[in-house]
Every structure is written in C-alpha cells, then in structure tokens.
Amino acid sequence: MESGYVLFNLKPGTKKDFITKVKDIKAVKEARLVIGIWDAIAKIEAESIEELEKIYFNKIDKMADVMDSRLHIVACPRTRK
C-alpha cells in the first residue's frame, strides 16, 4: 500500500464544500482544512505509486474548486506502516 498527501489552494468560499466532495473519492482516507500557505490537505492511499498518480491527476487535481495542488508521495518505508 502506498500513501501520499495532497496540499490544496482552493477558490475563496469553497473550503467546506470541497472537503465534503474530496472525502467522497474512495482513495481519500482523510481530508482537513489547514491554516497557512495551503488551504487543505488530504491523505490518499492506493496499491501502487502509479495508481496514486492516476487518482491525483484524473480525479483530485481536476476538481472544480482547486486552484493549485501538490502531491507528495510518502517515501520512507518505515513511515508507511
């Protein structure tokens, strides 16, 4: 199982609705609003890195409320468990 974190900048006024929508994606295990440079963060999981990338590029990054996003794949095997 591979894990990744997606950081989001969202359109103004869409934060609460966005969290509800992104949680509906099967691979999303957790999603939260955050304070700082980014507006929200989501943890995603899939069987492979390729699958994580497909979910990110085909579903998450194309969501209407997303202005900018970044996928960060967990690299250290010790933290995957």
C-alpha atoms as a PDB file:
ATOM      1  CA  MET A   1       0.000   0.000   0.000  1.00  0.00           C
ATOM      2  CA  GLU A   2       1.339   3.412  -0.998  1.00  0.00           C
ATOM      3  CA  SER A   3       0.391   6.710   0.657  1.00  0.00           C
ATOM      4  CA  GLY A   4       0.546  10.322  -0.365  1.00  0.00           C
ATOM      5  CA  TYR A   5      -0.520  13.728   0.852  1.00  0.00           C
ATOM      6  CA  VAL A   6      -2.120  16.337  -1.379  1.00  0.00           C
ATOM      7  CA  LEU A   7      -1.891  20.023  -0.485  1.00  0.00           C
ATOM      8  CA  PHE A   8      -4.536  22.349  -1.930  1.00  0.00           C
ATOM      9  CA  ASN A   9      -5.107  26.022  -2.638  1.00  0.00           C
ATOM     10  CA  LEU A  10      -8.829  26.491  -3.122  1.00  0.00           C
ATOM     11  CA  LYS A  11     -11.110  29.101  -4.633  1.00  0.00           C
ATOM     12  CA  PRO A  12     -12.414  31.539  -1.985  1.00  0.00           C
ATOM     13  CA  GLY A  13     -15.633  30.424  -0.305  1.00  0.00           C
ATOM     14  CA  THR A  14     -15.363  26.760  -1.342  1.00  0.00           C
ATOM     15  CA  LYS A  15     -13.406  25.215   1.522  1.00  0.00           C
ATOM     16  CA  LYS A  16     -16.158  23.415   3.451  1.00  0.00           C
ATOM     17  CA  ASP A  17     -17.877  22.094   0.315  1.00  0.00           C
ATOM     18  CA  PHE A  18     -14.529  20.976  -1.080  1.00  0.00           C
ATOM     19  CA  ILE A  19     -13.733  18.854   1.988  1.00  0.00           C
ATOM     20  CA  THR A  20     -17.075  17.077   1.665  1.00  0.00           C
ATOM     21  CA  LYS A  21     -16.521  16.420  -2.054  1.00  0.00           C
ATOM     22  CA  VAL A  22     -12.919  15.228  -1.774  1.00  0.00           C
ATOM     23  CA  LYS A  23     -13.835  12.776   1.013  1.00  0.00           C
ATOM     24  CA  ASP A  24     -16.213  11.082  -1.464  1.00  0.00           C
ATOM     25  CA  ILE A  25     -13.222   9.882  -3.508  1.00  0.00           C
ATOM     26  CA  LYS A  26     -12.535   6.285  -2.470  1.00  0.00           C
ATOM     27  CA  ALA A  27      -8.743   6.688  -2.157  1.00  0.00           C
ATOM     28  CA  VAL A  28      -9.029   9.686   0.189  1.00  0.00           C
ATOM     29  CA  LYS A  29      -8.593   8.440   3.751  1.00  0.00           C
ATOM     30  CA  GLU A  30      -8.626  11.826   5.492  1.00  0.00           C
ATOM     31  CA  ALA A  31      -9.109  15.460   4.476  1.00  0.00           C
ATOM     32  CA  ARG A  32      -8.771  18.574   6.616  1.00  0.00           C
ATOM     33  CA  LEU A  33      -8.737  22.343   6.316  1.00  0.00           C
ATOM     34  CA  VAL A  34      -5.432  23.853   7.438  1.00  0.00           C
ATOM     35  CA  ILE A  35      -4.109  27.304   8.247  1.00  0.00           C
ATOM     36  CA  GLY A  36      -1.037  28.510   6.393  1.00  0.00           C
ATOM     37  CA  ILE A  37       0.116  28.729   2.792  1.00  0.00           C
ATOM     38  CA  TRP A  38      -2.224  25.878   1.795  1.00  0.00           C
ATOM     39  CA  ASP A  39      -5.980  25.718   2.453  1.00  0.00           C
ATOM     40  CA  ALA A  40      -6.459  21.964   2.826  1.00  0.00           C
ATOM     41  CA  ILE A  41      -4.646  18.637   2.962  1.00  0.00           C
ATOM     42  CA  ALA A  42      -5.783  15.111   2.096  1.00  0.00           C
ATOM     43  CA  LYS A  43      -4.210  11.726   2.710  1.00  0.00           C
ATOM     44  CA  ILE A  44      -4.642   9.280  -0.151  1.00  0.00           C
ATOM     45  CA  GLU A  45      -3.825   5.572  -0.403  1.00  0.00           C
ATOM     46  CA  ALA A  46      -3.553   3.149  -3.319  1.00  0.00           C
ATOM     47  CA  GLU A  47      -1.886  -0.143  -4.196  1.00  0.00           C
ATOM     48  CA  SER A  48       0.912   1.464  -6.222  1.00  0.00           C
ATOM     49  CA  ILE A  49       2.562   4.804  -6.873  1.00  0.00           C
ATOM     50  CA  GLU A  50       1.199   4.691 -10.420  1.00  0.00           C
ATOM     51  CA  GLU A  51      -2.329   4.303  -9.058  1.00  0.00           C
ATOM     52  CA  LEU A  52      -1.768   7.212  -6.640  1.00  0.00           C
ATOM     53  CA  GLU A  53      -0.690   9.370  -9.574  1.00  0.00           C
ATOM     54  CA  LYS A  54      -3.743   8.350 -11.652  1.00  0.00           C
ATOM     55  CA  ILE A  55      -6.113   9.209  -8.807  1.00  0.00           C
ATOM     56  CA  TYR A  56      -4.371  12.532  -8.284  1.00  0.00           C
ATOM     57  CA  PHE A  57      -4.221  13.584 -11.949  1.00  0.00           C
ATOM     58  CA  ASN A  58      -7.603  12.173 -13.083  1.00  0.00           C
ATOM     59  CA  LYS A  59      -9.816  12.934 -10.083  1.00  0.00           C
ATOM     60  CA  ILE A  60      -8.357  15.148  -7.384  1.00  0.00           C
ATOM     61  CA  ASP A  61      -6.432  17.761  -9.377  1.00  0.00           C
ATOM     62  CA  LYS A  62      -9.370  18.227 -11.776  1.00  0.00           C
ATOM     63  CA  MET A  63     -11.868  19.168  -9.059  1.00  0.00           C
ATOM     64  CA  ALA A  64     -13.590  22.481  -9.814  1.00  0.00           C
ATOM     65  CA  ASP A  65     -12.621  24.260  -6.571  1.00  0.00           C
ATOM     66  CA  VAL A  66      -8.878  23.515  -6.842  1.00  0.00           C
ATOM     67  CA  MET A  67      -6.710  26.456  -7.888  1.00  0.00           C
ATOM     68  CA  ASP A  68      -3.402  24.693  -7.177  1.00  0.00           C
ATOM     69  CA  SER A  69      -2.378  21.365  -5.668  1.00  0.00           C
ATOM     70  CA  ARG A  70       0.707  19.271  -4.995  1.00  0.00           C
ATOM     71  CA  LEU A  71       1.024  15.521  -4.452  1.00  0.00           C
ATOM     72  CA  HIS A  72       3.691  14.383  -2.000  1.00  0.00           C
ATOM     73  CA  ILE A  73       4.279  10.618  -2.001  1.00  0.00           C
ATOM     74  CA  VAL A  74       5.465   9.031   1.258  1.00  0.00           C
ATOM     75  CA  ALA A  75       8.992   7.847   0.526  1.00  0.00           C
ATOM     76  CA  CYS A  76      10.292   6.171   3.685  1.00  0.00           C
ATOM     77  CA  PRO A  77       9.078   2.551   4.089  1.00  0.00           C
ATOM     78  CA  ARG A  78       9.209   2.852   7.885  1.00  0.00           C
ATOM     79  CA  THR A  79       6.504   5.529   7.875  1.00  0.00           C
ATOM     80  CA  ARG A  80       4.151   3.629   5.543  1.00  0.00           C
ATOM     81  CA  LYS A  81       3.059   1.145   8.189  1.00  0.00           C
END
